Amino acid sequence: MKITVAKTAGFCMGVRRAVDMVLDASNLADEPIFTYGPLIHNPQVLEMLEGKQIFRLDTIPETGEGIVLIRAHGVPPEDEKALADAGFTVINATCPRVVRVQVIINKFAKKGYATIIIGDKKHPEVVGLLGYARGKGHTVTSMAQLKELPQFENAVVVAQTTQNTEFYKEIKDWCRANRPHYELFDTICGSTQKRQDEVRELAGTHDAVIVVGGKESGNTRRLAQVAAETGTVSTHIEDAGEIDYRSLSSADAIAITAGASTPNWIIKDTCLKVDRSLRRRNPMTGKLAGVLEFLLNTNLLLAAGAACLTYGAAMIQGGNQTHVHALIAMLYVLSMQIMNNTMTIRSDTYNKPDRAAFYRQYGIWLKLLAGIAGVTGLYLAYTRGWVSFGMLLTMTLLGLSYNLNVIPKVWGRRRIYRIKDVPGSRTILIAAAWGVVTSALPAVAGGLPLPAATVAFFYSAGLVFARTAFVDVLAVQGDRIAGKETLPILLGKKKSMRVVRLVLTATTGVAVGSFFLDSGGNGGFWLAIIPLFMLLLIKLYKEDSVLSGSPYEFLFESLFLLAGLTAAAI
């Protein structure tokens, strides 16, 4: 049984840019925010925007106030001017690929050329493009319609950016043979072509194809059309609730792809539910996957990783007070992670819908577990001495106050009342907290040398920083919706990944350098294998080759267990 998620599935550059622009405006501005028409063609995204009090204007009033975003499809230039004249602050979120087509049409229309647009004249993108044709625009959706058009003295031919690539190739071939004086431009978005090429390839190697996306989305409909044309069993759904599992009952390999306006959380939810359906065929596989989900959702895997990392830090420091401190680290991380997940259900609704549902169902019991773990950890720290107790209490209070209004200060236009509001603070604080509980507490209690304790701290903090930043990259879409100030939102995904790779490289150097410490803990040299494995995972994620659709978070967190296994083996 195999599920493959297409590498090209989900938001394209233009849609991501438009959604990011409207969410950033919502998170920063106090004034009303609107979109002129639907921002993109996806019902779940539009519902999410309404939930954030971002409403849409379907007509332009005589007067208005607030911010209006031009949708990704673009609009006629006269509409943009009318919005500004009405008093709105206009933010143009038109996809740059569409802007390029607008510029081409406008350039030739000024010279008197007729414009032939291969696309549906009712589609918002085409409506916007026609606005640049100066009254000489024509739309074509079939070869017959093209042949019925008069032979213009001069004409420019462009395609709707989400047009079927094979159909547009036929159009261009006919024009070259019969209208060689027409100006032809390749305006289909590269993302569209890649999606269509990939779905053809996946259909040839899988038993069924599921296309996820809005029924009003032109590019998603064409993607479903391409899948159907291959002859492979295919279905077009808006969400996982529409899947007919009986039609997939004989499929051993299922491919899932999605239109350019389909958000990640819908793709993830579809993948999860299809996976659960397939698991029913093999009870043992289903039970194993259920156990892994439980370990992730309850944070027990991550807590066990904290305990193992404490043993690894002890290798560097040459300490022997390990068992109690490993338990303290495990209890602290378990308590803080559960409390954090309880407070972030909103973003988990979009990032990890299964975990959000798990916390809504068992929230009371999980909070009770967090409380017991936190109190037990503090008691064990107290048995190590007042200094250890004070350090852990401080870290606990910082963790609990992360979402509370404790900073009465205004920085520029952005109000910062909570530690949470400081950009990138979450990643840094989590890394520092792990460094303290896995390295500093044992060092203080055991009187270990400062150089070794410092190296162990930076090793632990480096691994956790990389893990947290990487998970935030995977969750950037939902975090932006929830208004969370994570590192990827501050720096962007690409820069954040560069930072993660740099930190992991430095952490590898720290582990190798621990060999030269005069602390009796030279076995820490072997801990370099953990950041190296993390770098390999990031490489696989970037290439999306072997592990497409796999639970990267589970793999990252499992690597912490290697620290304990290494300590046991050395």
Protein backbone atom coordinates (compact mmCIF):
# COMPACT_ATOMS: atom_id res chain seq x y z
CA MET A 1 0.00 0.00 0.00
CA LYS A 2 1.48 3.28 -1.11
CA ILE A 3 0.42 6.93 -1.02
CA THR A 4 2.37 9.51 -2.99
CA VAL A 5 1.75 13.23 -2.63
CA ALA A 6 2.71 15.17 -5.76
CA LYS A 7 5.70 17.45 -5.32
CA THR A 8 3.78 20.25 -7.05
CA ALA A 9 0.60 19.88 -4.97
CA GLY A 10 -0.70 22.98 -3.20
CA PHE A 11 -0.25 26.71 -3.38
CA CYS A 12 1.64 28.06 -6.34
CA MET A 13 3.86 31.11 -5.93
CA GLY A 14 1.15 33.59 -6.93
CA VAL A 15 -1.52 32.16 -4.63
CA ARG A 16 0.91 31.86 -1.71
CA ARG A 17 1.95 35.47 -2.25
CA ALA A 18 -1.66 36.69 -2.29
CA VAL A 19 -2.65 34.72 0.81
CA ASP A 20 0.48 35.85 2.67
CA MET A 21 -0.22 39.48 1.75
CA VAL A 22 -3.78 39.43 3.04
CA LEU A 23 -2.84 37.56 6.23
CA ASP A 24 0.06 39.92 6.94
CA ALA A 25 -2.26 42.88 6.43
CA SER A 26 -4.80 41.30 8.79
CA ASN A 27 -2.19 40.61 11.49
CA LEU A 28 -0.69 44.11 11.30
CA ALA A 29 -3.53 46.51 10.49
CA ASP A 30 -6.34 47.78 12.71
CA GLU A 31 -8.52 49.03 9.85
CA PRO A 32 -11.12 46.96 7.95
CA ILE A 33 -9.72 44.59 5.31
CA PHE A 34 -11.49 43.38 2.17
CA THR A 35 -10.68 41.47 -0.97
CA TYR A 36 -12.17 42.59 -4.28
CA GLY A 37 -13.92 39.41 -5.31
CA PRO A 38 -12.76 36.03 -3.97
CA LEU A 39 -9.00 36.19 -3.31
CA ILE A 40 -8.54 32.69 -4.77
CA HIS A 41 -10.87 29.89 -5.85
CA ASN A 42 -10.88 27.70 -2.78
CA PRO A 43 -13.88 27.51 -0.39
CA GLN A 44 -11.83 26.55 2.68
CA VAL A 45 -9.45 29.48 2.28
CA LEU A 46 -12.34 31.89 1.77
CA GLU A 47 -14.03 30.51 4.90
CA MET A 48 -10.78 30.94 6.82
CA LEU A 49 -10.50 34.57 5.68
CA GLU A 50 -14.04 35.31 6.81
CA GLY A 51 -13.14 33.82 10.18
CA LYS A 52 -10.36 36.41 10.40
CA GLN A 53 -12.85 39.19 9.59
CA ILE A 54 -11.54 39.60 6.05
CA PHE A 55 -14.58 40.04 3.86
CA ARG A 56 -14.99 40.46 0.14
CA LEU A 57 -16.39 43.26 -2.00
CA ASP A 58 -18.26 42.14 -5.09
CA THR A 59 -19.14 45.69 -6.17
CA ILE A 60 -17.28 48.95 -5.77
CA PRO A 61 -19.08 51.48 -3.53
CA GLU A 62 -18.96 55.21 -4.16
CA THR A 63 -17.07 55.73 -0.90
CA GLY A 64 -15.26 53.37 1.41
CA GLU A 65 -12.48 53.01 3.93
CA GLY A 66 -9.96 50.37 4.88
CA ILE A 67 -7.69 48.11 2.87
CA VAL A 68 -8.74 46.27 -0.28
CA LEU A 69 -6.60 43.57 -1.83
CA ILE A 70 -6.76 42.88 -5.54
CA ARG A 71 -7.16 39.13 -5.92
CA ALA A 72 -4.49 36.86 -7.41
CA HIS A 73 -6.36 36.64 -10.73
CA GLY A 74 -6.07 40.40 -11.28
CA VAL A 75 -8.78 42.87 -12.29
CA PRO A 76 -9.34 45.35 -15.13
CA PRO A 77 -7.30 48.55 -14.59
CA GLU A 78 -10.45 50.66 -14.34
CA ASP A 79 -11.62 48.62 -11.34
CA GLU A 80 -8.35 49.19 -9.49
CA LYS A 81 -8.61 52.93 -10.15
CA ALA A 82 -12.25 52.99 -9.00
CA LEU A 83 -11.33 51.34 -5.70
CA ALA A 84 -8.64 53.94 -5.04
CA ASP A 85 -11.01 56.77 -6.02
CA ALA A 86 -13.59 55.44 -3.55
CA GLY A 87 -11.11 55.98 -0.71
CA PHE A 88 -9.69 52.50 -0.16
CA THR A 89 -6.02 51.73 0.33
CA VAL A 90 -5.43 49.30 -2.54
CA ILE A 91 -2.90 46.47 -2.27
CA ASN A 92 -2.35 44.67 -5.56
CA ALA A 93 -1.97 40.94 -4.92
CA THR A 94 -2.18 39.96 -8.59
CA CYS A 95 0.05 37.01 -9.39
CA PRO A 96 3.28 38.22 -11.06
CA ARG A 97 2.70 35.64 -13.83
CA VAL A 98 -0.66 37.25 -14.56
CA VAL A 99 0.89 40.71 -14.41
CA ARG A 100 3.29 39.62 -17.16
CA VAL A 101 0.34 38.72 -19.41
CA GLN A 102 -1.32 42.04 -18.61
CA VAL A 103 1.85 43.87 -19.65
CA ILE A 104 2.06 41.94 -22.94
CA ILE A 105 -1.57 42.66 -23.82
CA ASN A 106 -1.27 46.32 -22.87
CA LYS A 107 1.93 46.76 -24.93
CA PHE A 108 0.40 45.40 -28.14
CA ALA A 109 -3.03 46.93 -27.56
CA LYS A 110 -1.37 50.36 -27.59
CA LYS A 111 -0.12 49.54 -31.10
CA GLY A 112 -3.64 48.63 -32.25
CA TYR A 113 -3.24 44.86 -32.14
CA ALA A 114 -6.21 42.59 -31.55
CA THR A 115 -5.83 40.34 -28.50
CA ILE A 116 -6.76 36.65 -28.56
CA ILE A 117 -6.92 35.08 -25.11
CA ILE A 118 -7.14 31.29 -24.91
CA GLY A 119 -9.36 30.97 -21.87
CA ASP A 120 -12.87 31.19 -20.45
CA LYS A 121 -14.19 34.74 -20.84
CA LYS A 122 -16.05 34.41 -17.52
CA HIS A 123 -12.97 33.42 -15.55
CA PRO A 124 -11.77 36.28 -13.29
CA GLU A 125 -8.24 36.21 -14.73
CA VAL A 126 -9.54 36.50 -18.29
CA VAL A 127 -11.96 39.26 -17.29
CA GLY A 128 -9.02 41.18 -15.89
CA LEU A 129 -6.87 40.54 -18.98
CA LEU A 130 -9.61 41.77 -21.30
CA GLY A 131 -9.50 45.08 -19.44
CA TYR A 132 -6.02 45.69 -20.93
CA ALA A 133 -7.05 44.91 -24.54
CA ARG A 134 -8.59 48.38 -25.17
CA GLY A 135 -11.82 46.93 -26.53
CA LYS A 136 -10.10 44.60 -29.01
CA GLY A 137 -10.06 41.44 -26.94
CA HIS A 138 -11.42 38.03 -27.97
CA THR A 139 -11.61 34.81 -25.98
CA VAL A 140 -11.29 31.28 -27.32
CA THR A 141 -12.01 27.96 -25.58
CA SER A 142 -11.87 25.63 -28.60
CA MET A 143 -10.12 25.28 -31.95
CA ALA A 144 -13.45 25.84 -33.70
CA GLN A 145 -13.86 29.24 -32.00
CA LEU A 146 -10.36 30.24 -33.07
CA LYS A 147 -11.07 29.36 -36.69
CA GLU A 148 -14.31 31.37 -36.60
CA LEU A 149 -12.48 34.58 -35.69
CA PRO A 150 -11.69 36.95 -38.55
CA GLN A 151 -8.12 37.08 -39.79
CA PHE A 152 -6.76 40.16 -38.07
CA GLU A 153 -4.12 42.33 -39.66
CA ASN A 154 -2.19 42.19 -36.40
CA ALA A 155 -2.94 40.11 -33.34
CA VAL A 156 -1.28 38.86 -30.19
CA VAL A 157 -2.13 35.42 -28.82
CA VAL A 158 -1.81 34.62 -25.11
CA ALA A 159 -3.19 31.93 -22.82
CA GLN A 160 -4.85 32.07 -19.45
CA THR A 161 -2.01 31.17 -17.08
CA THR A 162 -3.79 27.99 -15.94
CA GLN A 163 -4.73 26.75 -19.44
CA ASN A 164 -4.27 23.14 -20.55
CA THR A 165 -0.75 22.94 -21.98
CA GLU A 166 -1.60 20.36 -24.66
CA PHE A 167 -4.56 22.42 -25.90
CA TYR A 168 -2.50 25.59 -26.10
CA LYS A 169 0.18 23.72 -28.07
CA GLU A 170 -2.49 22.84 -30.66
CA ILE A 171 -3.53 26.50 -30.79
CA LYS A 172 0.04 27.67 -31.39
CA ASP A 173 0.67 25.01 -34.04
CA TRP A 174 -2.44 26.09 -35.94
CA CYS A 175 -1.52 29.77 -35.72
CA ARG A 176 2.01 29.11 -37.01
CA ALA A 177 0.57 27.23 -39.97
CA ASN A 178 -2.38 29.52 -40.75
CA ARG A 179 -1.67 32.91 -39.11
CA PRO A 180 2.14 33.16 -39.17
CA HIS A 181 2.02 36.95 -38.66
CA TYR A 182 0.35 36.62 -35.24
CA GLU A 183 2.52 37.27 -32.18
CA LEU A 184 2.50 34.14 -29.97
CA PHE A 185 3.51 34.13 -26.31
CA ASP A 186 3.95 31.23 -23.89
CA THR A 187 2.03 32.57 -20.90
CA ILE A 188 0.94 29.36 -19.18
CA CYS A 189 2.49 29.40 -15.72
CA GLY A 190 5.39 27.01 -15.30
CA SER A 191 3.73 25.72 -12.16
CA THR A 192 0.64 24.77 -14.15
CA GLN A 193 2.66 22.85 -16.71
CA LYS A 194 4.67 21.04 -14.02
CA ARG A 195 1.47 19.99 -12.24
CA GLN A 196 -0.04 18.63 -15.42
CA ASP A 197 3.14 16.82 -16.43
CA GLU A 198 3.50 15.33 -12.95
CA VAL A 199 -0.09 14.10 -12.77
CA ARG A 200 0.39 12.32 -16.11
CA GLU A 201 3.53 10.68 -14.75
CA LEU A 202 1.88 9.69 -11.45
CA ALA A 203 -1.16 8.30 -13.25
CA GLY A 204 1.15 5.95 -15.14
CA THR A 205 2.64 4.49 -11.96
CA HIS A 206 -0.38 4.48 -9.60
CA ASP A 207 -3.75 2.76 -9.56
CA ALA A 208 -5.74 5.89 -8.72
CA VAL A 209 -5.34 9.67 -8.64
CA ILE A 210 -7.11 12.04 -6.25
CA VAL A 211 -7.18 15.69 -7.30
CA VAL A 212 -7.90 18.04 -4.39
CA GLY A 213 -9.14 21.59 -4.87
CA GLY A 214 -12.05 23.96 -5.37
CA LYS A 215 -14.65 23.03 -7.98
CA GLU A 216 -14.56 26.66 -9.19
CA SER A 217 -10.80 26.61 -9.63
CA GLY A 218 -9.88 26.54 -13.33
CA ASN A 219 -6.42 25.06 -12.83
CA THR A 220 -7.77 22.33 -10.52
CA ARG A 221 -10.51 21.38 -12.99
CA ARG A 222 -7.93 21.11 -15.76
CA LEU A 223 -5.70 19.03 -13.49
CA ALA A 224 -8.63 16.66 -12.93
CA GLN A 225 -9.27 16.62 -16.67
CA VAL A 226 -5.64 15.70 -17.39
CA ALA A 227 -5.82 12.90 -14.80
CA ALA A 228 -9.04 11.56 -16.32
CA GLU A 229 -7.57 11.62 -19.83
CA THR A 230 -4.85 9.17 -18.74
CA GLY A 231 -7.45 6.45 -18.20
CA THR A 232 -6.37 5.88 -14.59
CA VAL A 233 -9.15 5.91 -11.97
CA SER A 234 -9.35 9.54 -10.83
CA THR A 235 -11.58 11.75 -8.75
CA HIS A 236 -11.82 15.50 -8.06
CA ILE A 237 -12.73 16.46 -4.50
CA GLU A 238 -12.85 19.69 -2.49
CA ASP A 239 -12.16 17.94 0.82
CA ALA A 240 -11.60 14.45 2.17
CA GLY A 241 -15.26 14.05 3.09
CA GLU A 242 -16.10 13.59 -0.61
CA ILE A 243 -13.86 10.57 -1.18
CA ASP A 244 -15.62 7.42 -2.36
CA TYR A 245 -13.43 4.80 -0.70
CA ARG A 246 -15.24 1.96 -2.49
CA SER A 247 -13.81 3.18 -5.80
CA LEU A 248 -10.34 2.98 -4.24
CA SER A 249 -10.81 -0.41 -2.59
CA SER A 250 -8.67 -2.27 -5.14
CA ALA A 251 -5.97 0.40 -5.41
CA ASP A 252 -2.59 -0.48 -3.95
CA ALA A 253 -0.91 2.78 -5.03
CA ILE A 254 -2.72 6.12 -4.78
CA ALA A 255 -1.41 9.48 -5.94
CA ILE A 256 -2.70 12.72 -4.41
CA THR A 257 -2.26 16.03 -6.17
CA ALA A 258 -3.86 19.43 -5.68
CA GLY A 259 -4.59 22.64 -7.51
CA ALA A 260 -2.61 25.84 -7.11
CA SER A 261 -5.20 27.30 -4.74
CA THR A 262 -5.47 24.28 -2.42
CA PRO A 263 -4.04 24.92 1.09
CA ASN A 264 -1.68 22.49 2.78
CA TRP A 265 -4.07 21.58 5.58
CA ILE A 266 -6.63 20.19 3.09
CA ILE A 267 -3.93 18.14 1.36
CA LYS A 268 -2.65 16.83 4.72
CA ASP A 269 -6.16 15.95 5.87
CA THR A 270 -6.84 14.10 2.62
CA CYS A 271 -3.58 12.18 2.88
CA LEU A 272 -4.28 11.27 6.50
CA LYS A 273 -7.80 9.97 5.82
CA VAL A 274 -6.76 7.99 2.74
CA ASP A 275 -3.89 6.51 4.76
CA ARG A 276 -6.28 5.49 7.54
CA SER A 277 -8.57 3.91 4.99
CA LEU A 278 -5.72 1.85 3.56
CA ARG A 279 -4.57 0.83 7.04
CA ARG A 280 -7.81 -1.07 7.60
CA ARG A 281 -6.60 -3.65 5.10
CA ASN A 282 -3.63 -4.48 7.35
CA PRO A 283 -4.54 -4.35 11.06
CA MET A 284 -0.92 -4.65 12.21
CA THR A 285 0.20 -1.69 10.10
CA GLY A 286 -2.80 0.29 11.31
CA LYS A 287 -2.01 -0.39 14.97
CA LEU A 288 1.64 0.57 14.51
CA ALA A 289 0.70 3.83 12.76
CA GLY A 290 -1.81 4.54 15.53
CA VAL A 291 0.88 4.11 18.17
CA LEU A 292 3.21 6.49 16.32
CA GLU A 293 0.42 9.08 16.04
CA PHE A 294 -0.26 8.76 19.76
CA LEU A 295 3.43 9.28 20.61
CA LEU A 296 3.52 12.41 18.45
CA ASN A 297 0.21 13.88 19.57
CA THR A 298 0.93 13.38 23.28
CA ASN A 299 4.56 14.57 22.86
CA LEU A 300 5.77 11.42 24.60
CA LEU A 301 8.27 10.81 21.78
CA LEU A 302 9.69 14.31 22.11
CA ALA A 303 9.86 14.00 25.91
CA ALA A 304 11.74 10.71 25.58
CA GLY A 305 14.08 12.49 23.18
CA ALA A 306 14.79 15.13 25.84
CA ALA A 307 15.77 12.39 28.30
CA CYS A 308 18.06 10.79 25.73
CA LEU A 309 19.61 14.13 24.87
CA THR A 310 20.44 14.55 28.57
CA TYR A 311 22.47 11.34 28.41
CA GLY A 312 24.19 12.63 25.30
CA ALA A 313 25.06 15.92 27.02
CA ALA A 314 26.48 13.92 29.93
CA MET A 315 28.87 12.23 27.50
CA ILE A 316 30.28 15.64 26.60
CA GLN A 317 30.47 16.83 30.21
CA GLY A 318 31.77 13.63 31.72
CA GLY A 319 29.05 13.76 34.37
CA ASN A 320 27.43 10.82 36.13
CA GLN A 321 24.30 12.40 37.68
CA THR A 322 22.26 11.45 34.65
CA HIS A 323 19.17 9.42 35.51
CA VAL A 324 17.33 11.96 37.69
CA HIS A 325 18.18 14.81 35.34
CA ALA A 326 17.06 12.80 32.31
CA LEU A 327 13.72 12.33 34.08
CA ILE A 328 13.54 16.05 34.93
CA ALA A 329 14.19 16.97 31.29
CA MET A 330 11.55 14.51 30.09
CA LEU A 331 8.90 15.81 32.51
CA TYR A 332 9.66 19.47 31.78
CA VAL A 333 9.47 19.02 28.00
CA LEU A 334 6.31 16.91 28.27
CA SER A 335 4.61 19.54 30.44
CA MET A 336 5.63 22.55 28.33
CA GLN A 337 4.85 20.93 24.97
CA ILE A 338 1.37 19.84 26.05
CA MET A 339 0.62 23.32 27.39
CA ASN A 340 1.96 24.88 24.19
CA ASN A 341 -0.15 22.58 22.01
CA THR A 342 -3.21 23.37 24.12
CA MET A 343 -2.70 27.06 23.37
CA THR A 344 -2.05 26.56 19.66
CA ILE A 345 -5.09 24.53 18.64
CA ARG A 346 -6.04 27.29 16.22
CA SER A 347 -2.87 26.96 14.15
CA ASP A 348 -2.92 23.16 14.53
CA THR A 349 -6.35 23.19 12.89
CA TYR A 350 -4.50 24.17 9.71
CA ASN A 351 -1.10 22.52 10.34
CA LYS A 352 -2.09 19.25 12.06
CA PRO A 353 -5.85 18.76 11.99
CA ASP A 354 -5.51 15.32 13.58
CA ARG A 355 -3.60 16.71 16.58
CA ALA A 356 -6.07 19.59 16.95
CA ALA A 357 -8.93 17.07 17.06
CA PHE A 358 -6.97 14.95 19.57
CA TYR A 359 -6.50 17.92 21.91
CA ARG A 360 -10.13 18.97 21.63
CA GLN A 361 -11.21 15.45 22.59
CA TYR A 362 -8.72 14.80 25.39
CA GLY A 363 -7.78 18.35 26.39
CA ILE A 364 -8.72 18.01 30.07
CA TRP A 365 -6.72 14.82 30.55
CA LEU A 366 -3.73 16.23 28.68
CA LYS A 367 -3.73 19.36 30.85
CA LEU A 368 -3.86 17.17 33.94
CA LEU A 369 -0.90 15.16 32.61
CA ALA A 370 1.00 18.40 31.93
CA GLY A 371 0.34 19.63 35.46
CA ILE A 372 1.46 16.38 37.08
CA ALA A 373 4.58 16.25 34.91
CA GLY A 374 5.47 19.87 35.67
CA VAL A 375 5.04 19.55 39.44
CA THR A 376 6.94 16.25 39.55
CA GLY A 377 9.80 17.75 37.57
CA LEU A 378 10.02 20.72 39.94
CA TYR A 379 10.05 18.39 42.95
CA LEU A 380 12.89 16.32 41.47
CA ALA A 381 14.81 19.53 40.73
CA TYR A 382 14.28 20.59 44.37
CA THR A 383 15.88 17.33 45.51
CA ARG A 384 18.98 18.35 43.51
CA GLY A 385 19.24 21.66 45.38
CA TRP A 386 17.76 25.14 45.52
CA VAL A 387 19.75 26.39 42.54
CA SER A 388 18.45 23.60 40.32
CA PHE A 389 14.93 24.22 41.58
CA GLY A 390 15.21 27.96 40.90
CA MET A 391 16.52 27.41 37.38
CA LEU A 392 13.74 24.99 36.45
CA LEU A 393 11.08 27.18 38.09
CA THR A 394 12.31 30.16 36.05
CA MET A 395 12.13 28.17 32.81
CA THR A 396 8.65 26.92 33.72
CA LEU A 397 7.34 30.43 34.47
CA LEU A 398 8.82 31.73 31.21
CA GLY A 399 7.09 28.92 29.33
CA LEU A 400 3.74 29.53 31.01
CA SER A 401 3.95 33.31 30.47
CA TYR A 402 4.81 32.97 26.78
CA ASN A 403 1.22 33.72 25.70
CA LEU A 404 0.41 36.20 28.52
CA ASN A 405 0.48 40.01 28.27
CA VAL A 406 3.63 40.77 30.24
CA ILE A 407 5.44 43.33 28.03
CA PRO A 408 3.75 46.77 28.22
CA LYS A 409 5.66 48.28 25.32
CA VAL A 410 5.06 49.41 21.74
CA TRP A 411 7.79 48.90 19.13
CA GLY A 412 7.04 50.93 16.01
CA ARG A 413 3.65 50.16 14.53
CA ARG A 414 3.53 46.67 16.03
CA ARG A 415 2.28 46.21 19.56
CA ILE A 416 4.36 43.73 21.57
CA TYR A 417 2.66 42.72 24.80
CA ARG A 418 3.71 39.07 25.03
CA ILE A 419 6.94 37.15 24.63
CA LYS A 420 5.07 35.38 21.84
CA ASP A 421 4.86 38.67 19.90
CA VAL A 422 8.64 39.01 19.65
CA PRO A 423 9.53 37.66 16.17
CA GLY A 424 11.42 34.37 16.31
CA SER A 425 11.32 34.22 20.12
CA ARG A 426 9.68 30.79 20.22
CA THR A 427 12.51 29.04 18.41
CA ILE A 428 15.22 30.66 20.52
CA LEU A 429 13.47 30.15 23.87
CA ILE A 430 12.66 26.50 23.22
CA ALA A 431 16.29 25.83 22.26
CA ALA A 432 17.57 27.66 25.35
CA ALA A 433 15.12 25.82 27.64
CA TRP A 434 16.26 22.44 26.34
CA GLY A 435 19.88 23.50 26.73
CA VAL A 436 19.23 24.36 30.38
CA VAL A 437 17.35 21.18 31.35
CA THR A 438 19.59 18.76 29.45
CA SER A 439 22.97 20.39 30.18
CA ALA A 440 23.00 23.27 32.64
CA LEU A 441 21.00 21.60 35.42
CA PRO A 442 23.23 18.49 35.57
CA ALA A 443 26.33 20.74 35.41
CA VAL A 444 25.18 22.88 38.34
CA ALA A 445 24.14 19.91 40.46
CA GLY A 446 27.32 17.97 39.75
CA GLY A 447 29.79 20.84 39.82
CA LEU A 448 30.94 20.00 36.29
CA PRO A 449 33.53 22.18 34.51
CA LEU A 450 32.17 25.28 32.80
CA PRO A 451 33.81 24.68 29.37
CA ALA A 452 32.27 21.21 29.06
CA ALA A 453 28.90 22.47 30.29
CA THR A 454 28.99 25.29 27.73
CA VAL A 455 29.79 22.93 24.87
CA ALA A 456 27.02 20.55 25.96
CA PHE A 457 24.57 23.46 26.19
CA PHE A 458 25.29 24.65 22.66
CA TYR A 459 25.13 21.10 21.31
CA SER A 460 21.67 20.49 22.81
CA ALA A 461 20.38 23.97 21.99
CA GLY A 462 21.66 23.69 18.41
CA LEU A 463 19.83 20.43 17.75
CA VAL A 464 16.59 21.72 19.28
CA PHE A 465 16.83 25.06 17.46
CA ALA A 466 17.18 23.19 14.16
CA ARG A 467 14.32 20.83 14.96
CA THR A 468 11.97 23.64 16.06
CA ALA A 469 12.79 25.87 13.07
CA PHE A 470 12.36 22.97 10.66
CA VAL A 471 8.97 22.03 12.11
CA ASP A 472 7.98 25.70 11.89
CA VAL A 473 8.89 25.65 8.19
CA LEU A 474 6.52 22.71 7.71
CA ALA A 475 3.81 24.62 9.60
CA VAL A 476 4.37 28.11 8.17
CA GLN A 477 1.01 28.28 6.39
CA GLY A 478 -1.10 27.59 9.48
CA ASP A 479 1.13 29.72 11.72
CA ARG A 480 0.67 32.72 9.43
CA ILE A 481 -3.10 32.25 9.58
CA ALA A 482 -2.97 32.13 13.37
CA GLY A 483 -0.66 35.16 13.53
CA LYS A 484 2.22 33.30 15.16
CA GLU A 485 5.61 35.02 14.95
CA THR A 486 7.84 32.12 13.96
CA LEU A 487 11.27 32.25 12.36
CA PRO A 488 10.05 31.20 8.86
CA ILE A 489 7.45 33.98 8.90
CA LEU A 490 10.13 36.47 9.92
CA LEU A 491 12.84 35.32 7.47
CA GLY A 492 10.94 33.29 4.90
CA LYS A 493 11.20 29.55 4.30
CA LYS A 494 14.38 29.59 2.21
CA LYS A 495 16.38 31.79 4.57
CA SER A 496 15.12 29.82 7.55
CA MET A 497 16.31 26.58 5.98
CA ARG A 498 19.71 28.16 5.39
CA VAL A 499 19.86 29.11 9.06
CA VAL A 500 18.89 25.56 10.07
CA ARG A 501 21.62 24.06 7.90
CA LEU A 502 24.16 26.53 9.28
CA VAL A 503 23.19 25.73 12.89
CA LEU A 504 23.37 21.99 12.27
CA THR A 505 26.79 22.36 10.65
CA ALA A 506 27.99 24.34 13.67
CA THR A 507 26.46 21.74 16.02
CA THR A 508 28.35 19.01 14.20
CA GLY A 509 31.52 21.01 14.79
CA VAL A 510 30.65 21.37 18.48
CA ALA A 511 30.25 17.59 18.83
CA VAL A 512 33.53 16.91 17.05
CA GLY A 513 35.27 19.60 19.08
CA SER A 514 34.10 18.04 22.34
CA PHE A 515 36.78 15.38 21.75
CA PHE A 516 39.38 17.92 22.82
CA LEU A 517 37.70 18.73 26.13
CA ASP A 518 39.57 17.71 29.25
CA SER A 519 36.40 16.52 30.94
CA GLY A 520 36.50 12.78 30.55
CA GLY A 521 33.57 13.01 28.16
CA ASN A 522 35.34 12.52 24.85
CA GLY A 523 32.65 10.08 23.69
CA GLY A 524 30.65 13.13 22.64
CA PHE A 525 32.58 12.97 19.37
CA TRP A 526 30.14 10.28 18.20
CA LEU A 527 27.17 12.58 18.78
CA ALA A 528 28.07 14.35 15.52
CA ILE A 529 26.06 11.64 13.77
CA ILE A 530 22.77 13.23 14.94
CA PRO A 531 23.12 16.68 13.30
CA LEU A 532 24.53 14.93 10.21
CA PHE A 533 21.40 12.77 9.97
CA MET A 534 19.28 15.91 10.40
CA LEU A 535 21.14 17.54 7.50
CA LEU A 536 20.38 14.45 5.42
CA LEU A 537 16.68 14.69 6.27
CA ILE A 538 16.65 18.34 5.22
CA LYS A 539 18.30 17.40 1.93
CA LEU A 540 15.63 14.77 1.32
CA TYR A 541 12.92 17.28 2.20
CA LYS A 542 14.36 19.84 -0.21
CA GLU A 543 14.57 17.35 -3.04
CA ASP A 544 11.31 15.68 -1.94
CA SER A 545 12.69 12.51 -3.38
CA VAL A 546 12.52 9.46 -1.16
CA LEU A 547 10.19 10.75 1.56
CA SER A 548 7.41 12.58 -0.27
CA GLY A 549 4.52 12.91 2.17
CA SER A 550 6.39 11.21 5.03
CA PRO A 551 6.19 12.43 8.65
CA TYR A 552 9.38 14.48 8.80
CA GLU A 553 8.59 15.68 12.30
CA PHE A 554 8.51 12.10 13.56
CA LEU A 555 11.86 11.35 11.93
CA PHE A 556 13.45 14.50 13.35
CA GLU A 557 12.23 13.80 16.86
CA SER A 558 13.29 10.15 16.66
CA LEU A 559 16.86 11.28 16.05
CA PHE A 560 17.03 12.63 19.62
CA LEU A 561 16.72 9.04 20.79
CA LEU A 562 20.06 8.36 19.10
CA ALA A 563 21.78 10.46 21.76
CA GLY A 564 20.67 8.00 24.43
CA LEU A 565 21.53 4.98 22.31
CA THR A 566 24.97 6.43 21.59
CA ALA A 567 25.55 7.08 25.29
CA ALA A 568 24.56 3.51 26.09
CA ALA A 569 26.83 2.09 23.39
CA ILE A 570 29.97 4.10 24.21
